[in-house]
N, C-alpha and C. Protein backbone atom coordinates (compact mmCIF):
# COMPACT_ATOMS: atom_id res chain seq x y z
N UNK A 1 0.79 -1.19 0.00
CA UNK A 1 0.00 0.00 0.00
C UNK A 1 0.84 1.27 0.00
N UNK A 2 1.71 1.39 1.01
CA UNK A 2 2.50 2.62 1.12
C UNK A 2 3.46 2.78 -0.06
N UNK A 3 3.95 1.63 -0.58
CA UNK A 3 4.87 1.73 -1.73
C UNK A 3 4.17 2.31 -2.94
N UNK A 4 2.94 1.87 -3.17
CA UNK A 4 2.18 2.42 -4.30
C UNK A 4 1.91 3.90 -4.10
N UNK A 5 1.59 4.28 -2.88
CA UNK A 5 1.32 5.70 -2.62
C UNK A 5 2.59 6.53 -2.73
N UNK A 6 3.73 5.93 -2.36
CA UNK A 6 5.00 6.66 -2.45
C UNK A 6 5.40 6.93 -3.89
N UNK A 7 4.83 6.17 -4.82
CA UNK A 7 5.11 6.38 -6.24
C UNK A 7 4.04 7.23 -6.92
N UNK A 8 3.07 7.70 -6.16
CA UNK A 8 1.97 8.49 -6.70
C UNK A 8 2.37 9.97 -6.67
N UNK A 9 2.86 10.46 -7.80
CA UNK A 9 3.35 11.84 -7.89
C UNK A 9 2.35 12.90 -7.46
N UNK A 10 1.09 12.84 -7.94
CA UNK A 10 0.12 13.84 -7.50
C UNK A 10 -0.12 13.81 -5.99
N UNK A 11 -0.11 12.62 -5.39
CA UNK A 11 -0.31 12.54 -3.94
C UNK A 11 0.87 13.17 -3.20
N UNK A 12 2.08 12.90 -3.66
CA UNK A 12 3.25 13.49 -3.01
C UNK A 12 3.22 15.01 -3.12
N UNK A 13 2.78 15.51 -4.27
CA UNK A 13 2.65 16.96 -4.42
C UNK A 13 1.59 17.52 -3.47
N UNK A 14 0.47 16.80 -3.36
CA UNK A 14 -0.59 17.25 -2.45
C UNK A 14 -0.10 17.25 -1.01
N UNK A 15 0.64 16.24 -0.61
CA UNK A 15 1.14 16.19 0.77
C UNK A 15 2.08 17.35 1.05
N UNK A 16 2.94 17.68 0.10
CA UNK A 16 3.83 18.85 0.27
C UNK A 16 3.00 20.13 0.33
N UNK A 17 1.99 20.23 -0.54
CA UNK A 17 1.10 21.39 -0.57
C UNK A 17 0.36 21.53 0.76
N UNK A 18 -0.21 20.41 1.23
CA UNK A 18 -0.97 20.43 2.48
C UNK A 18 -0.07 20.79 3.65
N UNK A 19 1.17 20.28 3.65
CA UNK A 19 2.10 20.64 4.72
C UNK A 19 2.29 22.16 4.75
N UNK A 20 2.58 22.74 3.59
CA UNK A 20 2.78 24.20 3.53
C UNK A 20 1.51 24.95 3.90
N UNK A 21 0.37 24.50 3.39
CA UNK A 21 -0.89 25.20 3.68
C UNK A 21 -1.16 25.22 5.18
N UNK A 22 -1.08 24.07 5.81
CA UNK A 22 -1.36 24.02 7.25
C UNK A 22 -0.26 24.69 8.07
N UNK A 23 0.93 24.76 7.53
CA UNK A 23 2.00 25.51 8.18
C UNK A 23 1.61 26.98 8.32
N UNK A 24 0.96 27.52 7.28
CA UNK A 24 0.56 28.92 7.29
C UNK A 24 -0.79 29.15 7.98
N UNK A 25 -1.58 28.10 8.18
CA UNK A 25 -2.94 28.25 8.71
C UNK A 25 -3.02 27.93 10.21
N UNK A 26 -2.42 26.83 10.63
CA UNK A 26 -2.64 26.33 11.98
C UNK A 26 -2.16 27.25 13.10
N UNK A 27 -0.92 27.67 13.03
CA UNK A 27 -0.37 28.51 14.11
C UNK A 27 -1.18 29.78 14.34
N UNK A 28 -1.49 30.53 13.27
CA UNK A 28 -2.27 31.76 13.49
C UNK A 28 -3.64 31.52 14.11
N UNK A 29 -4.31 30.43 13.73
CA UNK A 29 -5.63 30.20 14.31
C UNK A 29 -5.51 29.80 15.77
N UNK A 30 -4.48 29.03 16.11
CA UNK A 30 -4.30 28.65 17.52
C UNK A 30 -3.92 29.85 18.38
N UNK A 31 -3.21 30.80 17.78
CA UNK A 31 -2.79 31.99 18.52
C UNK A 31 -3.82 33.12 18.45
N UNK A 32 -4.95 32.86 17.78
CA UNK A 32 -5.95 33.91 17.61
C UNK A 32 -6.43 34.52 18.93
N UNK A 33 -6.64 33.72 19.99
CA UNK A 33 -7.02 34.35 21.27
C UNK A 33 -5.97 35.35 21.77
N UNK A 34 -4.69 35.06 21.57
CA UNK A 34 -3.64 35.99 21.99
C UNK A 34 -3.64 37.23 21.10
N UNK A 35 -3.95 37.03 19.82
CA UNK A 35 -4.04 38.16 18.90
C UNK A 35 -5.18 39.09 19.32
N UNK A 36 -6.33 38.50 19.67
CA UNK A 36 -7.47 39.30 20.12
C UNK A 36 -7.10 40.06 21.40
N UNK A 37 -6.39 39.40 22.29
CA UNK A 37 -5.96 40.07 23.53
C UNK A 37 -5.00 41.21 23.23
N UNK A 38 -4.13 41.03 22.21
CA UNK A 38 -3.19 42.11 21.85
C UNK A 38 -3.91 43.34 21.31
N UNK A 39 -5.17 43.14 20.85
CA UNK A 39 -5.97 44.26 20.36
C UNK A 39 -6.90 44.81 21.44
N UNK A 40 -6.77 44.27 22.65
CA UNK A 40 -7.56 44.78 23.77
C UNK A 40 -8.82 43.99 24.07
N UNK A 41 -9.01 42.86 23.41
CA UNK A 41 -10.21 42.06 23.64
C UNK A 41 -9.98 40.97 24.67
N UNK A 42 -11.06 40.53 25.26
CA UNK A 42 -11.00 39.45 26.23
C UNK A 42 -11.77 38.24 25.74
N UNK A 43 -12.06 37.34 26.65
CA UNK A 43 -12.74 36.10 26.32
C UNK A 43 -14.15 36.35 25.77
N UNK A 44 -14.85 37.34 26.33
CA UNK A 44 -16.21 37.63 25.85
C UNK A 44 -16.19 38.11 24.40
N UNK A 45 -15.21 38.96 24.07
CA UNK A 45 -15.08 39.45 22.68
C UNK A 45 -14.72 38.29 21.76
N UNK A 46 -13.80 37.46 22.18
CA UNK A 46 -13.37 36.31 21.38
C UNK A 46 -14.55 35.39 21.07
N UNK A 47 -15.36 35.11 22.08
CA UNK A 47 -16.49 34.20 21.85
C UNK A 47 -17.49 34.82 20.87
N UNK A 48 -17.71 36.13 20.94
CA UNK A 48 -18.62 36.79 19.99
C UNK A 48 -18.04 36.81 18.58
N UNK A 49 -16.72 36.88 18.47
CA UNK A 49 -16.08 36.90 17.14
C UNK A 49 -16.21 35.54 16.44
N UNK A 50 -16.28 34.46 17.20
CA UNK A 50 -16.36 33.13 16.60
C UNK A 50 -17.70 32.86 15.95
N UNK A 51 -18.76 33.52 16.42
CA UNK A 51 -20.10 33.24 15.89
C UNK A 51 -20.19 33.50 14.39
N UNK A 52 -19.87 34.71 13.88
CA UNK A 52 -19.95 34.90 12.42
C UNK A 52 -18.95 34.03 11.65
N UNK A 53 -17.79 33.75 12.27
CA UNK A 53 -16.81 32.90 11.60
C UNK A 53 -17.41 31.52 11.33
N UNK A 54 -18.12 30.99 12.30
CA UNK A 54 -18.69 29.66 12.16
C UNK A 54 -19.99 29.66 11.36
N UNK A 55 -20.75 30.76 11.43
CA UNK A 55 -22.01 30.82 10.70
C UNK A 55 -21.82 30.70 9.19
N UNK A 56 -20.74 31.23 8.65
CA UNK A 56 -20.50 31.13 7.21
C UNK A 56 -20.19 29.69 6.79
N UNK A 57 -19.63 28.91 7.71
CA UNK A 57 -19.32 27.52 7.38
C UNK A 57 -20.56 26.72 7.04
N UNK A 58 -21.68 27.02 7.68
CA UNK A 58 -22.90 26.23 7.48
C UNK A 58 -23.37 26.30 6.03
N UNK A 59 -23.62 27.51 5.46
CA UNK A 59 -24.05 27.52 4.05
C UNK A 59 -22.96 27.02 3.11
N UNK A 60 -21.69 27.29 3.43
CA UNK A 60 -20.62 26.80 2.55
C UNK A 60 -20.60 25.28 2.53
N UNK A 61 -20.79 24.65 3.68
CA UNK A 61 -20.84 23.18 3.72
C UNK A 61 -22.04 22.68 2.91
N UNK A 62 -23.16 23.40 3.00
CA UNK A 62 -24.35 23.00 2.24
C UNK A 62 -24.12 23.12 0.74
N UNK A 63 -23.32 24.10 0.34
CA UNK A 63 -23.08 24.35 -1.09
C UNK A 63 -21.79 23.72 -1.61
N UNK A 64 -21.09 22.97 -0.78
CA UNK A 64 -19.77 22.48 -1.19
C UNK A 64 -19.85 21.56 -2.41
N UNK A 65 -20.93 20.82 -2.56
CA UNK A 65 -21.07 19.96 -3.74
C UNK A 65 -21.11 20.79 -5.01
N UNK A 66 -21.89 21.85 -5.00
CA UNK A 66 -21.95 22.74 -6.16
C UNK A 66 -20.65 23.47 -6.39
N UNK A 67 -20.02 23.88 -5.31
CA UNK A 67 -18.71 24.56 -5.44
C UNK A 67 -17.69 23.61 -6.04
N UNK A 68 -17.72 22.35 -5.62
CA UNK A 68 -16.78 21.37 -6.15
C UNK A 68 -16.99 21.16 -7.65
N UNK A 69 -18.25 21.12 -8.06
CA UNK A 69 -18.53 20.94 -9.48
C UNK A 69 -18.04 22.14 -10.30
N UNK A 70 -18.17 23.33 -9.73
CA UNK A 70 -17.74 24.54 -10.45
C UNK A 70 -16.23 24.74 -10.41
N UNK A 71 -15.63 24.51 -9.24
CA UNK A 71 -14.21 24.84 -9.05
C UNK A 71 -13.28 23.64 -9.15
N UNK A 72 -13.78 22.44 -8.89
CA UNK A 72 -12.92 21.27 -8.80
C UNK A 72 -12.16 21.28 -7.48
N UNK A 73 -11.49 20.18 -7.21
CA UNK A 73 -10.73 20.06 -5.95
C UNK A 73 -9.63 21.12 -5.87
N UNK A 74 -8.93 21.34 -6.98
CA UNK A 74 -7.85 22.35 -6.97
C UNK A 74 -8.40 23.74 -6.74
N UNK A 75 -9.55 24.04 -7.32
CA UNK A 75 -10.17 25.35 -7.12
C UNK A 75 -10.59 25.56 -5.67
N UNK A 76 -11.15 24.50 -5.06
CA UNK A 76 -11.50 24.59 -3.64
C UNK A 76 -10.27 24.85 -2.78
N UNK A 77 -9.21 24.10 -3.07
CA UNK A 77 -7.96 24.28 -2.32
C UNK A 77 -7.44 25.71 -2.46
N UNK A 78 -7.38 26.19 -3.68
CA UNK A 78 -6.88 27.55 -3.92
C UNK A 78 -7.76 28.57 -3.18
N UNK A 79 -9.08 28.39 -3.26
CA UNK A 79 -10.01 29.31 -2.59
C UNK A 79 -9.74 29.34 -1.08
N UNK A 80 -9.59 28.18 -0.48
CA UNK A 80 -9.37 28.10 0.97
C UNK A 80 -8.05 28.70 1.41
N UNK A 81 -6.99 28.39 0.68
CA UNK A 81 -5.67 28.87 1.07
C UNK A 81 -5.55 30.38 0.82
N UNK A 82 -6.11 30.87 -0.28
CA UNK A 82 -6.09 32.31 -0.55
C UNK A 82 -6.90 33.05 0.51
N UNK A 83 -8.06 32.50 0.89
CA UNK A 83 -8.87 33.13 1.94
C UNK A 83 -8.08 33.24 3.24
N UNK A 84 -7.37 32.19 3.58
CA UNK A 84 -6.53 32.22 4.78
C UNK A 84 -5.44 33.28 4.64
N UNK A 85 -4.81 33.34 3.48
CA UNK A 85 -3.77 34.33 3.24
C UNK A 85 -4.29 35.75 3.38
N UNK A 86 -5.47 36.00 2.82
CA UNK A 86 -6.07 37.34 2.94
C UNK A 86 -6.38 37.67 4.40
N UNK A 87 -6.88 36.67 5.10
CA UNK A 87 -7.22 36.91 6.52
C UNK A 87 -5.98 37.25 7.33
N UNK A 88 -4.95 36.42 7.22
CA UNK A 88 -3.77 36.63 8.08
C UNK A 88 -2.96 37.84 7.64
N UNK A 89 -2.78 38.04 6.35
CA UNK A 89 -2.04 39.22 5.89
C UNK A 89 -2.80 40.49 6.27
N UNK A 90 -4.13 40.47 6.12
CA UNK A 90 -4.93 41.61 6.53
C UNK A 90 -4.87 41.86 8.02
N UNK A 91 -4.83 40.79 8.80
CA UNK A 91 -4.78 40.92 10.26
C UNK A 91 -3.50 41.61 10.72
N UNK A 92 -2.46 41.51 9.93
CA UNK A 92 -1.19 42.16 10.31
C UNK A 92 -1.34 43.68 10.38
N UNK A 93 -2.34 44.21 9.70
CA UNK A 93 -2.53 45.66 9.67
C UNK A 93 -3.73 46.11 10.50
N UNK A 94 -4.34 45.18 11.21
CA UNK A 94 -5.53 45.47 12.01
C UNK A 94 -5.13 46.05 13.36
N UNK A 95 -5.83 47.11 13.74
CA UNK A 95 -5.58 47.71 15.05
C UNK A 95 -6.83 47.79 15.89
N UNK A 96 -7.96 47.31 15.35
CA UNK A 96 -9.16 47.29 16.17
C UNK A 96 -9.95 46.00 15.93
N UNK A 97 -10.71 45.63 16.93
CA UNK A 97 -11.41 44.35 16.93
C UNK A 97 -12.50 44.21 15.87
N UNK A 98 -13.28 45.26 15.55
CA UNK A 98 -14.30 45.08 14.51
C UNK A 98 -13.73 44.67 13.15
N UNK A 99 -12.58 45.21 12.78
CA UNK A 99 -11.96 44.83 11.51
C UNK A 99 -11.47 43.39 11.57
N UNK A 100 -10.90 42.99 12.71
CA UNK A 100 -10.46 41.61 12.88
C UNK A 100 -11.65 40.66 12.78
N UNK A 101 -12.80 41.09 13.30
CA UNK A 101 -14.01 40.26 13.23
C UNK A 101 -14.47 40.10 11.79
N UNK A 102 -14.41 41.16 11.01
CA UNK A 102 -14.80 41.07 9.59
C UNK A 102 -13.87 40.11 8.84
N UNK A 103 -12.58 40.24 9.07
CA UNK A 103 -11.63 39.33 8.43
C UNK A 103 -11.85 37.88 8.87
N UNK A 104 -12.34 37.71 10.09
CA UNK A 104 -12.59 36.38 10.62
C UNK A 104 -13.62 35.59 9.84
N UNK A 105 -14.47 36.28 9.07
CA UNK A 105 -15.48 35.59 8.26
C UNK A 105 -14.80 34.68 7.23
N UNK A 106 -13.57 35.01 6.86
CA UNK A 106 -12.83 34.18 5.90
C UNK A 106 -12.49 32.80 6.46
N UNK A 107 -12.65 32.63 7.76
CA UNK A 107 -12.35 31.34 8.39
C UNK A 107 -13.17 30.21 7.76
N UNK A 108 -14.46 30.45 7.55
CA UNK A 108 -15.32 29.43 6.96
C UNK A 108 -14.88 29.04 5.56
N UNK A 109 -14.44 30.03 4.79
CA UNK A 109 -13.96 29.76 3.43
C UNK A 109 -12.70 28.90 3.49
N UNK A 110 -11.83 29.20 4.45
CA UNK A 110 -10.61 28.41 4.61
C UNK A 110 -10.91 26.97 4.97
N UNK A 111 -11.78 26.78 5.96
CA UNK A 111 -12.10 25.43 6.43
C UNK A 111 -12.70 24.60 5.30
N UNK A 112 -13.67 25.16 4.59
CA UNK A 112 -14.33 24.42 3.52
C UNK A 112 -13.38 24.21 2.35
N UNK A 113 -12.69 25.26 1.92
CA UNK A 113 -11.81 25.14 0.77
C UNK A 113 -10.64 24.20 1.00
N UNK A 114 -9.91 24.42 2.07
CA UNK A 114 -8.73 23.61 2.34
C UNK A 114 -9.11 22.21 2.82
N UNK A 115 -10.00 22.14 3.79
CA UNK A 115 -10.35 20.83 4.35
C UNK A 115 -11.05 19.92 3.36
N UNK A 116 -12.10 20.43 2.72
CA UNK A 116 -12.85 19.61 1.77
C UNK A 116 -12.07 19.44 0.47
N UNK A 117 -11.43 20.51 0.00
CA UNK A 117 -10.67 20.44 -1.25
C UNK A 117 -9.57 19.39 -1.20
N UNK A 118 -8.82 19.34 -0.10
CA UNK A 118 -7.74 18.37 0.02
C UNK A 118 -8.29 16.95 0.06
N UNK A 119 -9.38 16.76 0.79
CA UNK A 119 -10.00 15.44 0.90
C UNK A 119 -10.49 14.95 -0.46
N UNK A 120 -11.16 15.84 -1.20
CA UNK A 120 -11.66 15.48 -2.53
C UNK A 120 -10.50 15.19 -3.48
N UNK A 121 -9.43 15.98 -3.39
CA UNK A 121 -8.28 15.75 -4.27
C UNK A 121 -7.70 14.35 -4.04
N UNK A 122 -7.58 13.95 -2.77
CA UNK A 122 -7.09 12.60 -2.47
C UNK A 122 -8.02 11.56 -3.08
N UNK A 123 -9.32 11.76 -2.94
CA UNK A 123 -10.28 10.81 -3.51
C UNK A 123 -10.11 10.67 -5.03
N UNK A 124 -9.69 11.75 -5.67
CA UNK A 124 -9.57 11.74 -7.13
C UNK A 124 -8.24 11.18 -7.64
N UNK A 125 -7.22 11.12 -6.79
CA UNK A 125 -5.90 10.70 -7.28
C UNK A 125 -5.40 9.37 -6.72
N UNK A 126 -6.06 8.88 -5.68
CA UNK A 126 -5.60 7.66 -5.03
C UNK A 126 -6.47 6.49 -5.49
N UNK A 127 -5.88 5.33 -5.77
CA UNK A 127 -6.68 4.16 -6.14
C UNK A 127 -7.73 3.85 -5.06
N UNK A 128 -8.87 3.34 -5.50
CA UNK A 128 -9.99 3.10 -4.59
C UNK A 128 -9.59 2.27 -3.36
N UNK A 129 -8.74 1.27 -3.55
CA UNK A 129 -8.39 0.39 -2.43
C UNK A 129 -7.41 1.04 -1.45
N UNK A 130 -6.91 2.26 -1.76
CA UNK A 130 -5.97 2.93 -0.85
C UNK A 130 -6.48 4.30 -0.38
N UNK A 131 -7.77 4.55 -0.57
CA UNK A 131 -8.32 5.86 -0.20
C UNK A 131 -8.18 6.16 1.29
N UNK A 132 -8.47 5.21 2.13
CA UNK A 132 -8.37 5.44 3.57
C UNK A 132 -6.93 5.73 3.98
N UNK A 133 -6.00 5.01 3.41
CA UNK A 133 -4.59 5.24 3.71
C UNK A 133 -4.16 6.61 3.21
N UNK A 134 -4.63 6.99 2.02
CA UNK A 134 -4.33 8.31 1.48
C UNK A 134 -4.87 9.42 2.36
N UNK A 135 -6.12 9.26 2.83
CA UNK A 135 -6.70 10.27 3.71
C UNK A 135 -5.95 10.32 5.05
N UNK A 136 -5.53 9.16 5.53
CA UNK A 136 -4.74 9.12 6.77
C UNK A 136 -3.42 9.86 6.63
N UNK A 137 -2.75 9.65 5.48
CA UNK A 137 -1.49 10.37 5.21
C UNK A 137 -1.71 11.87 5.15
N UNK A 138 -2.79 12.28 4.48
CA UNK A 138 -3.11 13.70 4.39
C UNK A 138 -3.29 14.31 5.77
N UNK A 139 -4.05 13.64 6.63
CA UNK A 139 -4.27 14.15 7.99
C UNK A 139 -2.97 14.18 8.79
N UNK A 140 -2.17 13.11 8.67
CA UNK A 140 -0.93 13.04 9.44
C UNK A 140 0.05 14.14 9.03
N UNK A 141 0.18 14.37 7.73
CA UNK A 141 1.13 15.37 7.23
C UNK A 141 0.59 16.78 7.41
N UNK A 142 -0.68 17.00 7.04
CA UNK A 142 -1.26 18.34 7.09
C UNK A 142 -1.60 18.79 8.49
N UNK A 143 -2.60 18.15 9.07
CA UNK A 143 -3.05 18.54 10.40
C UNK A 143 -2.04 18.16 11.48
N UNK A 144 -1.40 17.00 11.32
CA UNK A 144 -0.47 16.53 12.34
C UNK A 144 0.88 17.22 12.31
N UNK A 145 1.73 16.81 11.38
CA UNK A 145 3.11 17.31 11.33
C UNK A 145 3.16 18.82 11.09
N UNK A 146 2.45 19.28 10.08
CA UNK A 146 2.47 20.72 9.78
C UNK A 146 1.85 21.52 10.92
N UNK A 147 0.81 20.97 11.55
CA UNK A 147 0.19 21.65 12.68
C UNK A 147 1.16 21.83 13.84
N UNK A 148 1.92 20.79 14.13
CA UNK A 148 2.90 20.86 15.22
C UNK A 148 3.97 21.91 14.89
N UNK A 149 4.55 21.81 13.70
CA UNK A 149 5.60 22.75 13.30
C UNK A 149 5.07 24.18 13.29
N UNK A 150 3.87 24.37 12.73
CA UNK A 150 3.29 25.70 12.65
C UNK A 150 3.08 26.31 14.03
N UNK A 151 2.55 25.54 14.94
CA UNK A 151 2.31 26.06 16.29
C UNK A 151 3.60 26.40 17.01
N UNK A 152 4.62 25.57 16.86
CA UNK A 152 5.90 25.86 17.50
C UNK A 152 6.55 27.11 16.90
N UNK A 153 6.60 27.18 15.57
CA UNK A 153 7.25 28.32 14.90
C UNK A 153 6.47 29.61 15.15
N UNK A 154 5.15 29.55 14.98
CA UNK A 154 4.35 30.77 15.17
C UNK A 154 4.37 31.23 16.63
N UNK A 155 4.38 30.29 17.56
CA UNK A 155 4.49 30.68 18.97
C UNK A 155 5.78 31.42 19.24
N UNK A 156 6.88 30.90 18.69
CA UNK A 156 8.18 31.56 18.88
C UNK A 156 8.17 32.93 18.22
N UNK A 157 7.68 33.00 16.98
CA UNK A 157 7.63 34.28 16.26
C UNK A 157 6.75 35.29 16.98
N UNK A 158 5.59 34.84 17.47
CA UNK A 158 4.67 35.73 18.18
C UNK A 158 5.36 36.35 19.39
N UNK A 159 6.14 35.54 20.12
CA UNK A 159 6.84 36.04 21.31
C UNK A 159 8.03 36.93 20.97
N UNK A 160 8.72 36.64 19.86
CA UNK A 160 9.98 37.34 19.58
C UNK A 160 9.90 38.45 18.54
N UNK A 161 8.96 38.36 17.60
CA UNK A 161 8.85 39.44 16.61
C UNK A 161 7.47 40.09 16.60
N UNK A 162 6.52 39.51 17.33
CA UNK A 162 5.22 40.13 17.48
C UNK A 162 4.13 39.50 16.62
N UNK A 163 2.90 39.84 16.98
CA UNK A 163 1.73 39.28 16.31
C UNK A 163 1.66 39.71 14.85
N UNK A 164 1.87 40.99 14.58
CA UNK A 164 1.70 41.49 13.22
C UNK A 164 2.67 40.82 12.25
N UNK A 165 3.93 40.71 12.62
CA UNK A 165 4.92 40.09 11.73
C UNK A 165 4.60 38.61 11.51
N UNK A 166 4.16 37.93 12.57
CA UNK A 166 3.80 36.51 12.45
C UNK A 166 2.64 36.33 11.49
N UNK A 167 1.60 37.14 11.67
CA UNK A 167 0.42 37.02 10.82
C UNK A 167 0.72 37.45 9.39
N UNK A 168 1.54 38.46 9.22
CA UNK A 168 1.89 38.91 7.87
C UNK A 168 2.66 37.81 7.13
N UNK A 169 3.64 37.21 7.80
CA UNK A 169 4.42 36.14 7.17
C UNK A 169 3.56 34.96 6.77
N UNK A 170 2.67 34.55 7.67
CA UNK A 170 1.77 33.42 7.35
C UNK A 170 0.80 33.80 6.23
N UNK A 171 0.33 35.04 6.26
CA UNK A 171 -0.61 35.49 5.23
C UNK A 171 0.03 35.51 3.86
N UNK A 172 1.23 36.07 3.77
CA UNK A 172 1.91 36.13 2.47
C UNK A 172 2.24 34.72 1.98
N UNK A 173 2.70 33.87 2.88
CA UNK A 173 3.00 32.48 2.50
C UNK A 173 1.78 31.78 1.95
N UNK A 174 0.63 31.95 2.62
CA UNK A 174 -0.60 31.31 2.15
C UNK A 174 -1.06 31.89 0.82
N UNK A 175 -0.95 33.21 0.66
CA UNK A 175 -1.34 33.83 -0.62
C UNK A 175 -0.51 33.30 -1.78
N UNK A 176 0.79 33.24 -1.59
CA UNK A 176 1.68 32.73 -2.65
C UNK A 176 1.33 31.28 -2.98
N UNK A 177 1.15 30.46 -1.93
CA UNK A 177 0.82 29.05 -2.16
C UNK A 177 -0.53 28.92 -2.86
N UNK A 178 -1.52 29.66 -2.40
CA UNK A 178 -2.85 29.59 -3.01
C UNK A 178 -2.84 29.98 -4.48
N UNK A 179 -2.12 31.05 -4.79
CA UNK A 179 -2.04 31.48 -6.18
C UNK A 179 -1.26 30.49 -7.04
N UNK A 180 -0.35 29.75 -6.43
CA UNK A 180 0.47 28.78 -7.17
C UNK A 180 -0.21 27.41 -7.28
N UNK A 181 -1.40 27.25 -6.73
CA UNK A 181 -2.07 25.94 -6.73
C UNK A 181 -2.09 25.26 -8.09
N UNK A 182 -2.48 25.95 -9.17
CA UNK A 182 -2.51 25.26 -10.48
C UNK A 182 -1.14 24.82 -10.96
N UNK A 183 -0.09 25.48 -10.48
CA UNK A 183 1.26 25.10 -10.88
C UNK A 183 1.78 23.92 -10.05
N UNK A 184 1.33 23.84 -8.80
CA UNK A 184 1.83 22.81 -7.88
C UNK A 184 1.07 21.50 -8.03
N UNK A 185 -0.26 21.60 -8.16
CA UNK A 185 -1.09 20.40 -8.20
C UNK A 185 -1.60 20.13 -9.61
N UNK A 186 -1.32 18.95 -10.14
CA UNK A 186 -1.81 18.63 -11.49
C UNK A 186 -3.31 18.36 -11.49
N UNK A 187 -3.93 18.50 -12.65
CA UNK A 187 -5.34 18.12 -12.79
C UNK A 187 -5.45 16.63 -12.51
N UNK A 188 -6.60 16.24 -11.98
CA UNK A 188 -6.74 14.84 -11.58
C UNK A 188 -7.32 13.95 -12.67
N UNK A 189 -8.09 14.53 -13.59
CA UNK A 189 -8.72 13.71 -14.61
C UNK A 189 -10.01 13.05 -14.13
N UNK A 190 -10.31 13.20 -12.82
CA UNK A 190 -11.52 12.59 -12.26
C UNK A 190 -12.38 13.65 -11.59
N UNK A 191 -12.27 14.90 -12.03
CA UNK A 191 -12.91 16.01 -11.34
C UNK A 191 -14.39 15.78 -11.06
N UNK A 192 -15.12 15.17 -11.98
CA UNK A 192 -16.56 15.02 -11.78
C UNK A 192 -16.99 13.56 -11.64
N UNK A 193 -16.02 12.69 -11.42
CA UNK A 193 -16.35 11.25 -11.39
C UNK A 193 -16.85 10.78 -10.04
N UNK A 194 -16.67 11.59 -8.99
CA UNK A 194 -16.99 11.09 -7.64
C UNK A 194 -18.24 11.77 -7.13
């Protein structure tokens, strides 16, 4: 199983892409409560900011099938990573909580685009008998390994260079990766087969 997956070029590209994407996404979202505090907000403000962020996820999840048909897996991925890049790069210039809350709406786009897009891409490029293993690898590399590295690096950066520089770096990284999606990830040939 693993040997066949190790020879699957599109999967290896996706794993590298997912590692980079989650590297730019995970740390900033985990540090978001500290970012809100740096802008003068407390726990009550943070909890109110999460409501619109999560509310957008509901219709996006309902429409994800139609979005997938229109954009394909690569389009969903690009949409999610670019949304994250816009959010974090924009947050670097935010000095008040209402603007941070508006940018937070992009969270739902990120979750649906990156999370669903990566899962669908694996479904389209991995042989049917190895789909579970492919999804497991995606989670281990993206959410697992990249999440750990992102949280450690962003935590250090947040403490040593500040919130704005950390968010700007992650935002620019995500924007570049999102815009490069068509160059990094090949077409699957199964865009509408699943």
